[in-house]
Amino acid sequence: MAKNEPGLDPLKEDARITALNERLAQAKSDEAIRRGEGRDKGDDDYRLGNRVLAELIGGLAGGALIGWVLDRFLGTSPWLLLVMLFLGIIVAFRNIIRISNRRSK
């Protein structure tokens, strides 16, 4: 076909259609964010791992510290330290189990 051959000229893109496509893309993006699909799952997993680690360390350290302080005041060394350390471990694992059950959406 020659360049100057008569025929239909291609239609120019309408500005209204372009604006409508942009608004539709924005609405889809907003809806994905609202439903939580726009977030990266890797970040959520990283936060969950940090929380589990904090629960474990906090339970151990908290139980040991409280037991050590009580042993110092009551003179029952090392029994309250051991009891509170085991209670801290139990509480830490209970919290970790609760976190893992809540995340099974």
PDB file of N, CA and C in Angstrom:
ATOM      1  N   MET A   1       0.835  -1.175   0.000  1.00  0.00           N
ATOM      2  CA  MET A   1       0.000   0.000   0.000  1.00  0.00           C
ATOM      3  C   MET A   1       0.881   1.241   0.000  1.00  0.00           C
ATOM      4  N   ALA A   2       0.448   2.183  -0.728  1.00  0.00           N
ATOM      5  CA  ALA A   2       1.200   3.427  -0.822  1.00  0.00           C
ATOM      6  C   ALA A   2       0.825   4.338   0.329  1.00  0.00           C
ATOM      7  N   LYS A   3       1.697   5.297   0.589  1.00  0.00           N
ATOM      8  CA  LYS A   3       1.461   6.215   1.696  1.00  0.00           C
ATOM      9  C   LYS A   3       0.261   7.105   1.466  1.00  0.00           C
ATOM     10  N   ASN A   4       0.099   7.567   0.303  1.00  0.00           N
ATOM     11  CA  ASN A   4      -0.950   8.545   0.008  1.00  0.00           C
ATOM     12  C   ASN A   4      -2.228   7.898  -0.469  1.00  0.00           C
ATOM     13  N   GLU A   5      -2.367   6.654  -0.317  1.00  0.00           N
ATOM     14  CA  GLU A   5      -3.550   5.954  -0.786  1.00  0.00           C
ATOM     15  C   GLU A   5      -4.736   6.308   0.100  1.00  0.00           C
ATOM     16  N   PRO A   6      -5.858   6.572  -0.498  1.00  0.00           N
ATOM     17  CA  PRO A   6      -7.023   6.941   0.309  1.00  0.00           C
ATOM     18  C   PRO A   6      -7.495   5.763   1.155  1.00  0.00           C
ATOM     19  N   GLY A   7      -8.057   6.068   2.266  1.00  0.00           N
ATOM     20  CA  GLY A   7      -8.555   5.038   3.158  1.00  0.00           C
ATOM     21  C   GLY A   7      -8.905   5.666   4.500  1.00  0.00           C
ATOM     22  N   LEU A   8      -9.112   4.854   5.461  1.00  0.00           N
ATOM     23  CA  LEU A   8      -9.467   5.357   6.779  1.00  0.00           C
ATOM     24  C   LEU A   8      -8.226   5.806   7.529  1.00  0.00           C
ATOM     25  N   ASP A   9      -8.311   6.976   8.094  1.00  0.00           N
ATOM     26  CA  ASP A   9      -7.235   7.457   8.949  1.00  0.00           C
ATOM     27  C   ASP A   9      -7.417   6.835  10.329  1.00  0.00           C
ATOM     28  N   PRO A  10      -6.311   6.491  11.007  1.00  0.00           N
ATOM     29  CA  PRO A  10      -6.468   5.950  12.354  1.00  0.00           C
ATOM     30  C   PRO A  10      -7.019   7.027  13.290  1.00  0.00           C
ATOM     31  N   LEU A  11      -7.871   6.581  14.175  1.00  0.00           N
ATOM     32  CA  LEU A  11      -8.481   7.514  15.116  1.00  0.00           C
ATOM     33  C   LEU A  11      -7.478   7.901  16.184  1.00  0.00           C
ATOM     34  N   LYS A  12      -7.548   9.155  16.581  1.00  0.00           N
ATOM     35  CA  LYS A  12      -6.719   9.609  17.683  1.00  0.00           C
ATOM     36  C   LYS A  12      -7.314   9.086  18.978  1.00  0.00           C
ATOM     37  N   GLU A  13      -6.449   8.831  19.947  1.00  0.00           N
ATOM     38  CA  GLU A  13      -6.928   8.318  21.227  1.00  0.00           C
ATOM     39  C   GLU A  13      -7.639   9.443  21.969  1.00  0.00           C
ATOM     40  N   ASP A  14      -8.803   9.108  22.476  1.00  0.00           N
ATOM     41  CA  ASP A  14      -9.615  10.096  23.181  1.00  0.00           C
ATOM     42  C   ASP A  14      -9.039  10.334  24.581  1.00  0.00           C
ATOM     43  N   ALA A  15      -8.974  11.580  25.008  1.00  0.00           N
ATOM     44  CA  ALA A  15      -8.438  11.935  26.322  1.00  0.00           C
ATOM     45  C   ALA A  15      -9.324  11.379  27.440  1.00  0.00           C
ATOM     46  N   ARG A  16     -10.600  11.248  27.165  1.00  0.00           N
ATOM     47  CA  ARG A  16     -11.506  10.706  28.188  1.00  0.00           C
ATOM     48  C   ARG A  16     -11.197   9.238  28.471  1.00  0.00           C
ATOM     49  N   ILE A  17     -10.857   8.499  27.432  1.00  0.00           N
ATOM     50  CA  ILE A  17     -10.529   7.086  27.618  1.00  0.00           C
ATOM     51  C   ILE A  17      -9.231   6.951  28.407  1.00  0.00           C
ATOM     52  N   THR A  18      -8.260   7.802  28.113  1.00  0.00           N
ATOM     53  CA  THR A  18      -6.998   7.775  28.841  1.00  0.00           C
ATOM     54  C   THR A  18      -7.224   8.079  30.324  1.00  0.00           C
ATOM     55  N   ALA A  19      -8.030   9.114  30.590  1.00  0.00           N
ATOM     56  CA  ALA A  19      -8.330   9.472  31.982  1.00  0.00           C
ATOM     57  C   ALA A  19      -9.083   8.350  32.684  1.00  0.00           C
ATOM     58  N   LEU A  20     -10.002   7.710  31.975  1.00  0.00           N
ATOM     59  CA  LEU A  20     -10.763   6.603  32.547  1.00  0.00           C
ATOM     60  C   LEU A  20      -9.851   5.422  32.873  1.00  0.00           C
ATOM     61  N   ASN A  21      -8.907   5.119  31.989  1.00  0.00           N
ATOM     62  CA  ASN A  21      -7.956   4.028  32.245  1.00  0.00           C
ATOM     63  C   ASN A  21      -7.082   4.332  33.456  1.00  0.00           C
ATOM     64  N   GLU A  22      -6.654   5.587  33.596  1.00  0.00           N
ATOM     65  CA  GLU A  22      -5.851   5.966  34.756  1.00  0.00           C
ATOM     66  C   GLU A  22      -6.650   5.844  36.050  1.00  0.00           C
ATOM     67  N   ARG A  23      -7.893   6.285  36.035  1.00  0.00           N
ATOM     68  CA  ARG A  23      -8.741   6.175  37.232  1.00  0.00           C
ATOM     69  C   ARG A  23      -9.022   4.716  37.572  1.00  0.00           C
ATOM     70  N   LEU A  24      -9.216   3.880  36.556  1.00  0.00           N
ATOM     71  CA  LEU A  24      -9.465   2.461  36.784  1.00  0.00           C
ATOM     72  C   LEU A  24      -8.232   1.785  37.391  1.00  0.00           C
ATOM     73  N   ALA A  25      -7.056   2.114  36.893  1.00  0.00           N
ATOM     74  CA  ALA A  25      -5.822   1.546  37.451  1.00  0.00           C
ATOM     75  C   ALA A  25      -5.631   1.994  38.896  1.00  0.00           C
ATOM     76  N   GLN A  26      -5.927   3.254  39.192  1.00  0.00           N
ATOM     77  CA  GLN A  26      -5.808   3.758  40.565  1.00  0.00           C
ATOM     78  C   GLN A  26      -6.798   3.059  41.487  1.00  0.00           C
ATOM     79  N   ALA A  27      -8.031   2.846  41.007  1.00  0.00           N
ATOM     80  CA  ALA A  27      -9.044   2.162  41.821  1.00  0.00           C
ATOM     81  C   ALA A  27      -8.636   0.715  42.089  1.00  0.00           C
ATOM     82  N   LYS A  28      -8.076   0.032  41.097  1.00  0.00           N
ATOM     83  CA  LYS A  28      -7.615  -1.337  41.306  1.00  0.00           C
ATOM     84  C   LYS A  28      -6.476  -1.376  42.315  1.00  0.00           C
ATOM     85  N   SER A  29      -5.566  -0.421  42.230  1.00  0.00           N
ATOM     86  CA  SER A  29      -4.456  -0.349  43.169  1.00  0.00           C
ATOM     87  C   SER A  29      -4.953  -0.087  44.592  1.00  0.00           C
ATOM     88  N   ASP A  30      -5.883   0.841  44.741  1.00  0.00           N
ATOM     89  CA  ASP A  30      -6.447   1.145  46.062  1.00  0.00           C
ATOM     90  C   ASP A  30      -7.169  -0.065  46.659  1.00  0.00           C
ATOM     91  N   GLU A  31      -7.897  -0.792  45.825  1.00  0.00           N
ATOM     92  CA  GLU A  31      -8.620  -1.969  46.306  1.00  0.00           C
ATOM     93  C   GLU A  31      -7.654  -3.078  46.717  1.00  0.00           C
ATOM     94  N   ALA A  32      -6.573  -3.250  45.974  1.00  0.00           N
ATOM     95  CA  ALA A  32      -5.572  -4.267  46.337  1.00  0.00           C
ATOM     96  C   ALA A  32      -4.913  -3.919  47.657  1.00  0.00           C
ATOM     97  N   ILE A  33      -4.621  -2.645  47.885  1.00  0.00           N
ATOM     98  CA  ILE A  33      -4.030  -2.226  49.152  1.00  0.00           C
ATOM     99  C   ILE A  33      -5.022  -2.428  50.286  1.00  0.00           C
ATOM    100  N   ARG A  34      -6.294  -2.108  50.049  1.00  0.00           N
ATOM    101  CA  ARG A  34      -7.312  -2.265  51.082  1.00  0.00           C
ATOM    102  C   ARG A  34      -7.460  -3.725  51.503  1.00  0.00           C
ATOM    103  N   ARG A  35      -7.356  -4.639  50.561  1.00  0.00           N
ATOM    104  CA  ARG A  35      -7.476  -6.053  50.865  1.00  0.00           C
ATOM    105  C   ARG A  35      -6.170  -6.664  51.351  1.00  0.00           C
ATOM    106  N   GLY A  36      -5.093  -5.900  51.316  1.00  0.00           N
ATOM    107  CA  GLY A  36      -3.804  -6.398  51.792  1.00  0.00           C
ATOM    108  C   GLY A  36      -3.020  -7.152  50.747  1.00  0.00           C
ATOM    109  N   GLU A  37      -3.421  -7.075  49.501  1.00  0.00           N
ATOM    110  CA  GLU A  37      -2.721  -7.793  48.447  1.00  0.00           C
ATOM    111  C   GLU A  37      -1.539  -7.002  47.910  1.00  0.00           C
ATOM    112  N   GLY A  38      -1.467  -5.714  48.221  1.00  0.00           N
ATOM    113  CA  GLY A  38      -0.416  -4.883  47.688  1.00  0.00           C
ATOM    114  C   GLY A  38       0.879  -4.977  48.477  1.00  0.00           C
ATOM    115  N   ARG A  39       0.830  -5.570  49.659  1.00  0.00           N
ATOM    116  CA  ARG A  39       2.025  -5.657  50.488  1.00  0.00           C
ATOM    117  C   ARG A  39       2.862  -6.864  50.107  1.00  0.00           C
ATOM    118  N   ASP A  40       4.129  -6.747  50.388  1.00  0.00           N
ATOM    119  CA  ASP A  40       5.065  -7.835  50.128  1.00  0.00           C
ATOM    120  C   ASP A  40       4.978  -8.847  51.276  1.00  0.00           C
ATOM    121  N   LYS A  41       4.789 -10.106  50.965  1.00  0.00           N
ATOM    122  CA  LYS A  41       4.689 -11.136  51.997  1.00  0.00           C
ATOM    123  C   LYS A  41       6.016 -11.342  52.718  1.00  0.00           C
ATOM    124  N   GLY A  42       7.114 -11.032  52.057  1.00  0.00           N
ATOM    125  CA  GLY A  42       8.416 -11.187  52.694  1.00  0.00           C
ATOM    126  C   GLY A  42       8.571 -10.278  53.904  1.00  0.00           C
ATOM    127  N   ASP A  43       8.038  -9.062  53.810  1.00  0.00           N
ATOM    128  CA  ASP A  43       8.107  -8.140  54.943  1.00  0.00           C
ATOM    129  C   ASP A  43       7.283  -8.659  56.112  1.00  0.00           C
ATOM    130  N   ASP A  44       6.110  -9.200  55.832  1.00  0.00           N
ATOM    131  CA  ASP A  44       5.275  -9.743  56.903  1.00  0.00           C
ATOM    132  C   ASP A  44       5.955 -10.927  57.588  1.00  0.00           C
ATOM    133  N   ASP A  45       6.585 -11.784  56.799  1.00  0.00           N
ATOM    134  CA  ASP A  45       7.281 -12.932  57.374  1.00  0.00           C
ATOM    135  C   ASP A  45       8.478 -12.500  58.211  1.00  0.00           C
ATOM    136  N   TYR A  46       9.161 -11.461  57.760  1.00  0.00           N
ATOM    137  CA  TYR A  46      10.311 -10.941  58.501  1.00  0.00           C
ATOM    138  C   TYR A  46       9.858 -10.380  59.847  1.00  0.00           C
ATOM    139  N   ARG A  47       8.759  -9.624  59.839  1.00  0.00           N
ATOM    140  CA  ARG A  47       8.220  -9.081  61.092  1.00  0.00           C
ATOM    141  C   ARG A  47       7.770 -10.196  62.028  1.00  0.00           C
ATOM    142  N   LEU A  48       7.152 -11.228  61.475  1.00  0.00           N
ATOM    143  CA  LEU A  48       6.703 -12.349  62.292  1.00  0.00           C
ATOM    144  C   LEU A  48       7.888 -13.070  62.924  1.00  0.00           C
ATOM    145  N   GLY A  49       8.948 -13.263  62.172  1.00  0.00           N
ATOM    146  CA  GLY A  49      10.149 -13.902  62.713  1.00  0.00           C
ATOM    147  C   GLY A  49      10.774 -13.079  63.822  1.00  0.00           C
ATOM    148  N   ASN A  50      10.817 -11.772  63.627  1.00  0.00           N
ATOM    149  CA  ASN A  50      11.351 -10.904  64.672  1.00  0.00           C
ATOM    150  C   ASN A  50      10.490 -10.951  65.927  1.00  0.00           C
ATOM    151  N   ARG A  51       9.182 -11.017  65.756  1.00  0.00           N
ATOM    152  CA  ARG A  51       8.294 -11.066  66.928  1.00  0.00           C
ATOM    153  C   ARG A  51       8.464 -12.378  67.683  1.00  0.00           C
ATOM    154  N   VAL A  52       8.592 -13.477  66.966  1.00  0.00           N
ATOM    155  CA  VAL A  52       8.797 -14.780  67.610  1.00  0.00           C
ATOM    156  C   VAL A  52      10.117 -14.782  68.377  1.00  0.00           C
ATOM    157  N   LEU A  53      11.164 -14.232  67.772  1.00  0.00           N
ATOM    158  CA  LEU A  53      12.458 -14.163  68.445  1.00  0.00           C
ATOM    159  C   LEU A  53      12.381 -13.289  69.695  1.00  0.00           C
ATOM    160  N   ALA A  54      11.680 -12.164  69.598  1.00  0.00           N
ATOM    161  CA  ALA A  54      11.533 -11.280  70.758  1.00  0.00           C
ATOM    162  C   ALA A  54      10.754 -11.956  71.874  1.00  0.00           C
ATOM    163  N   GLU A  55       9.715 -12.709  71.538  1.00  0.00           N
ATOM    164  CA  GLU A  55       8.943 -13.436  72.552  1.00  0.00           C
ATOM    165  C   GLU A  55       9.816 -14.463  73.260  1.00  0.00           C
ATOM    166  N   LEU A  56      10.620 -15.178  72.491  1.00  0.00           N
ATOM    167  CA  LEU A  56      11.467 -16.212  73.077  1.00  0.00           C
ATOM    168  C   LEU A  56      12.538 -15.614  73.993  1.00  0.00           C
ATOM    169  N   ILE A  57      13.234 -14.604  73.500  1.00  0.00           N
ATOM    170  CA  ILE A  57      14.277 -13.973  74.312  1.00  0.00           C
ATOM    171  C   ILE A  57      13.667 -13.260  75.515  1.00  0.00           C
ATOM    172  N   GLY A  58      12.546 -12.579  75.306  1.00  0.00           N
ATOM    173  CA  GLY A  58      11.896 -11.866  76.399  1.00  0.00           C
ATOM    174  C   GLY A  58      11.411 -12.795  77.491  1.00  0.00           C
ATOM    175  N   GLY A  59      10.850 -13.931  77.114  1.00  0.00           N
ATOM    176  CA  GLY A  59      10.384 -14.900  78.114  1.00  0.00           C
ATOM    177  C   GLY A  59      11.534 -15.466  78.931  1.00  0.00           C
ATOM    178  N   LEU A  60      12.606 -15.834  78.251  1.00  0.00           N
ATOM    179  CA  LEU A  60      13.770 -16.371  78.958  1.00  0.00           C
ATOM    180  C   LEU A  60      14.409 -15.325  79.864  1.00  0.00           C
ATOM    181  N   ALA A  61      14.672 -14.149  79.318  1.00  0.00           N
ATOM    182  CA  ALA A  61      15.349 -13.109  80.096  1.00  0.00           C
ATOM    183  C   ALA A  61      14.462 -12.605  81.230  1.00  0.00           C
ATOM    184  N   GLY A  62      13.192 -12.423  80.948  1.00  0.00           N
ATOM    185  CA  GLY A  62      12.282 -11.937  81.984  1.00  0.00           C
ATOM    186  C   GLY A  62      12.141 -12.918  83.133  1.00  0.00           C
ATOM    187  N   GLY A  63      11.967 -14.189  82.814  1.00  0.00           N
ATOM    188  CA  GLY A  63      11.861 -15.196  83.857  1.00  0.00           C
ATOM    189  C   GLY A  63      13.130 -15.323  84.678  1.00  0.00           C
ATOM    190  N   ALA A  64      14.264 -15.296  83.999  1.00  0.00           N
ATOM    191  CA  ALA A  64      15.542 -15.408  84.715  1.00  0.00           C
ATOM    192  C   ALA A  64      15.779 -14.194  85.604  1.00  0.00           C
ATOM    193  N   LEU A  65      15.467 -13.015  85.127  1.00  0.00           N
ATOM    194  CA  LEU A  65      15.685 -11.803  85.910  1.00  0.00           C
ATOM    195  C   LEU A  65      14.776 -11.768  87.143  1.00  0.00           C
ATOM    196  N   ILE A  66      13.511 -12.082  86.947  1.00  0.00           N
ATOM    197  CA  ILE A  66      12.584 -12.078  88.087  1.00  0.00           C
ATOM    198  C   ILE A  66      12.991 -13.144  89.108  1.00  0.00           C
ATOM    199  N   GLY A  67      13.377 -14.324  88.632  1.00  0.00           N
ATOM    200  CA  GLY A  67      13.819 -15.380  89.549  1.00  0.00           C
ATOM    201  C   GLY A  67      15.075 -15.008  90.300  1.00  0.00           C
ATOM    202  N   TRP A  68      16.024 -14.388  89.629  1.00  0.00           N
ATOM    203  CA  TRP A  68      17.268 -13.970  90.276  1.00  0.00           C
ATOM    204  C   TRP A  68      17.002 -12.928  91.352  1.00  0.00           C
ATOM    205  N   VAL A  69      16.131 -11.948  91.044  1.00  0.00           N
ATOM    206  CA  VAL A  69      15.804 -10.902  92.025  1.00  0.00           C
ATOM    207  C   VAL A  69      15.099 -11.503  93.239  1.00  0.00           C
ATOM    208  N   LEU A  70      14.144 -12.383  92.995  1.00  0.00           N
ATOM    209  CA  LEU A  70      13.445 -13.022  94.116  1.00  0.00           C
ATOM    210  C   LEU A  70      14.389 -13.885  94.949  1.00  0.00           C
ATOM    211  N   ASP A  71      15.325 -14.579  94.287  1.00  0.00           N
ATOM    212  CA  ASP A  71      16.318 -15.361  95.019  1.00  0.00           C
ATOM    213  C   ASP A  71      17.186 -14.471  95.902  1.00  0.00           C
ATOM    214  N   ARG A  72      17.570 -13.314  95.417  1.00  0.00           N
ATOM    215  CA  ARG A  72      18.387 -12.385  96.199  1.00  0.00           C
ATOM    216  C   ARG A  72      17.646 -11.896  97.444  1.00  0.00           C
ATOM    217  N   PHE A  73      16.354 -11.573  97.281  1.00  0.00           N
ATOM    218  CA  PHE A  73      15.596 -11.046  98.412  1.00  0.00           C
ATOM    219  C   PHE A  73      15.202 -12.130  99.414  1.00  0.00           C
ATOM    220  N   LEU A  74      14.866 -13.322  98.913  1.00  0.00           N
ATOM    221  CA  LEU A  74      14.367 -14.377  99.793  1.00  0.00           C
ATOM    222  C   LEU A  74      15.448 -15.374 100.207  1.00  0.00           C
ATOM    223  N   GLY A  75      16.600 -15.349  99.580  1.00  0.00           N
ATOM    224  CA  GLY A  75      17.692 -16.250  99.947  1.00  0.00           C
ATOM    225  C   GLY A  75      17.438 -17.695  99.582  1.00  0.00           C
ATOM    226  N   THR A  76      16.737 -17.940  98.495  1.00  0.00           N
ATOM    227  CA  THR A  76      16.405 -19.307  98.082  1.00  0.00           C
ATOM    228  C   THR A  76      17.206 -19.740  96.853  1.00  0.00           C
ATOM    229  N   SER A  77      18.406 -19.232  96.738  1.00  0.00           N
ATOM    230  CA  SER A  77      19.210 -19.458  95.549  1.00  0.00           C
ATOM    231  C   SER A  77      19.418 -20.949  95.313  1.00  0.00           C
ATOM    232  N   PRO A  78      19.353 -21.479  94.181  1.00  0.00           N
ATOM    233  CA  PRO A  78      18.953 -21.058  92.845  1.00  0.00           C
ATOM    234  C   PRO A  78      17.538 -21.486  92.477  1.00  0.00           C
ATOM    235  N   TRP A  79      16.715 -21.855  93.446  1.00  0.00           N
ATOM    236  CA  TRP A  79      15.437 -22.492  93.143  1.00  0.00           C
ATOM    237  C   TRP A  79      14.442 -21.568  92.454  1.00  0.00           C
ATOM    238  N   LEU A  80      14.268 -20.363  92.926  1.00  0.00           N
ATOM    239  CA  LEU A  80      13.315 -19.458  92.267  1.00  0.00           C
ATOM    240  C   LEU A  80      13.805 -19.040  90.880  1.00  0.00           C
ATOM    241  N   LEU A  81      15.122 -18.936  90.727  1.00  0.00           N
ATOM    242  CA  LEU A  81      15.663 -18.642  89.403  1.00  0.00           C
ATOM    243  C   LEU A  81      15.275 -19.738  88.414  1.00  0.00           C
ATOM    244  N   LEU A  82      15.448 -20.985  88.809  1.00  0.00           N
ATOM    245  CA  LEU A  82      15.105 -22.101  87.917  1.00  0.00           C
ATOM    246  C   LEU A  82      13.606 -22.176  87.644  1.00  0.00           C
ATOM    247  N   VAL A  83      12.800 -22.002  88.690  1.00  0.00           N
ATOM    248  CA  VAL A  83      11.342 -22.067  88.523  1.00  0.00           C
ATOM    249  C   VAL A  83      10.865 -20.955  87.592  1.00  0.00           C
ATOM    250  N   MET A  84      11.345 -19.732  87.819  1.00  0.00           N
ATOM    251  CA  MET A  84      10.902 -18.614  86.991  1.00  0.00           C
ATOM    252  C   MET A  84      11.447 -18.717  85.565  1.00  0.00           C
ATOM    253  N   LEU A  85      12.622 -19.288  85.404  1.00  0.00           N
ATOM    254  CA  LEU A  85      13.174 -19.505  84.068  1.00  0.00           C
ATOM    255  C   LEU A  85      12.296 -20.481  83.289  1.00  0.00           C
ATOM    256  N   PHE A  86      11.892 -21.569  83.925  1.00  0.00           N
ATOM    257  CA  PHE A  86      11.006 -22.528  83.257  1.00  0.00           C
ATOM    258  C   PHE A  86       9.633 -21.929  82.984  1.00  0.00           C
ATOM    259  N   LEU A  87       9.129 -21.118  83.900  1.00  0.00           N
ATOM    260  CA  LEU A  87       7.856 -20.433  83.637  1.00  0.00           C
ATOM    261  C   LEU A  87       7.987 -19.462  82.466  1.00  0.00           C
ATOM    262  N   GLY A  88       9.121 -18.773  82.378  1.00  0.00           N
ATOM    263  CA  GLY A  88       9.351 -17.871  81.243  1.00  0.00           C
ATOM    264  C   GLY A  88       9.390 -18.616  79.921  1.00  0.00           C
ATOM    265  N   ILE A  89      10.009 -19.798  79.925  1.00  0.00           N
ATOM    266  CA  ILE A  89      10.055 -20.613  78.710  1.00  0.00           C
ATOM    267  C   ILE A  89       8.649 -21.063  78.315  1.00  0.00           C
ATOM    268  N   ILE A  90       7.876 -21.491  79.283  1.00  0.00           N
ATOM    269  CA  ILE A  90       6.510 -21.945  79.003  1.00  0.00           C
ATOM    270  C   ILE A  90       5.671 -20.809  78.440  1.00  0.00           C
ATOM    271  N   VAL A  91       5.776 -19.628  79.040  1.00  0.00           N
ATOM    272  CA  VAL A  91       5.007 -18.477  78.558  1.00  0.00           C
ATOM    273  C   VAL A  91       5.459 -18.080  77.155  1.00  0.00           C
ATOM    274  N   ALA A  92       6.763 -18.120  76.894  1.00  0.00           N
ATOM    275  CA  ALA A  92       7.273 -17.762  75.569  1.00  0.00           C
ATOM    276  C   ALA A  92       6.737 -18.721  74.504  1.00  0.00           C
ATOM    277  N   PHE A  93       6.775 -20.015  74.781  1.00  0.00           N
ATOM    278  CA  PHE A  93       6.266 -20.976  73.802  1.00  0.00           C
ATOM    279  C   PHE A  93       4.755 -20.860  73.628  1.00  0.00           C
ATOM    280  N   ARG A  94       4.044 -20.565  74.700  1.00  0.00           N
ATOM    281  CA  ARG A  94       2.592 -20.367  74.582  1.00  0.00           C
ATOM    282  C   ARG A  94       2.301 -19.172  73.677  1.00  0.00           C
ATOM    283  N   ASN A  95       3.045 -18.092  73.852  1.00  0.00           N
ATOM    284  CA  ASN A  95       2.847 -16.917  72.999  1.00  0.00           C
ATOM    285  C   ASN A  95       3.219 -17.199  71.556  1.00  0.00           C
ATOM    286  N   ILE A  96       4.266 -17.967  71.337  1.00  0.00           N
ATOM    287  CA  ILE A  96       4.661 -18.311  69.966  1.00  0.00           C
ATOM    288  C   ILE A  96       3.584 -19.164  69.305  1.00  0.00           C
ATOM    289  N   ILE A  97       3.006 -20.092  70.033  1.00  0.00           N
ATOM    290  CA  ILE A  97       1.924 -20.914  69.481  1.00  0.00           C
ATOM    291  C   ILE A  97       0.712 -20.058  69.161  1.00  0.00           C
ATOM    292  N   ARG A  98       0.381 -19.104  70.031  1.00  0.00           N
ATOM    293  CA  ARG A  98      -0.744 -18.203  69.766  1.00  0.00           C
ATOM    294  C   ARG A  98      -0.492 -17.362  68.521  1.00  0.00           C
ATOM    295  N   ILE A  99       0.734 -16.878  68.343  1.00  0.00           N
ATOM    296  CA  ILE A  99       1.071 -16.085  67.160  1.00  0.00           C
ATOM    297  C   ILE A  99       0.940 -16.933  65.900  1.00  0.00           C
ATOM    298  N   SER A 100       1.441 -18.156  65.941  1.00  0.00           N
ATOM    299  CA  SER A 100       1.391 -19.003  64.742  1.00  0.00           C
ATOM    300  C   SER A 100      -0.028 -19.416  64.401  1.00  0.00           C
ATOM    301  N   ASN A 101      -0.893 -19.603  65.389  1.00  0.00           N
ATOM    302  CA  ASN A 101      -2.280 -19.944  65.102  1.00  0.00           C
ATOM    303  C   ASN A 101      -3.047 -18.757  64.535  1.00  0.00           C
ATOM    304  N   ARG A 102      -2.724 -17.562  64.963  1.00  0.00           N
ATOM    305  CA  ARG A 102      -3.414 -16.374  64.487  1.00  0.00           C
ATOM    306  C   ARG A 102      -3.060 -16.083  63.041  1.00  0.00           C
ATOM    307  N   ARG A 103      -1.854 -16.438  62.598  1.00  0.00           N
ATOM    308  CA  ARG A 103      -1.383 -16.125  61.264  1.00  0.00           C
ATOM    309  C   ARG A 103      -1.895 -17.090  60.194  1.00  0.00           C
ATOM    310  N   SER A 104      -2.632 -18.113  60.562  1.00  0.00           N
ATOM    311  CA  SER A 104      -3.096 -19.096  59.580  1.00  0.00           C
ATOM    312  C   SER A 104      -4.393 -18.633  58.933  1.00  0.00           C
ATOM    313  N   LYS A 105      -4.331 -17.491  58.219  1.00  0.00           N
ATOM    314  CA  LYS A 105      -5.514 -16.938  57.544  1.00  0.00           C
ATOM    315  C   LYS A 105      -5.654 -17.505  56.169  1.00  0.00           C
TER     316      LYS A 105
END
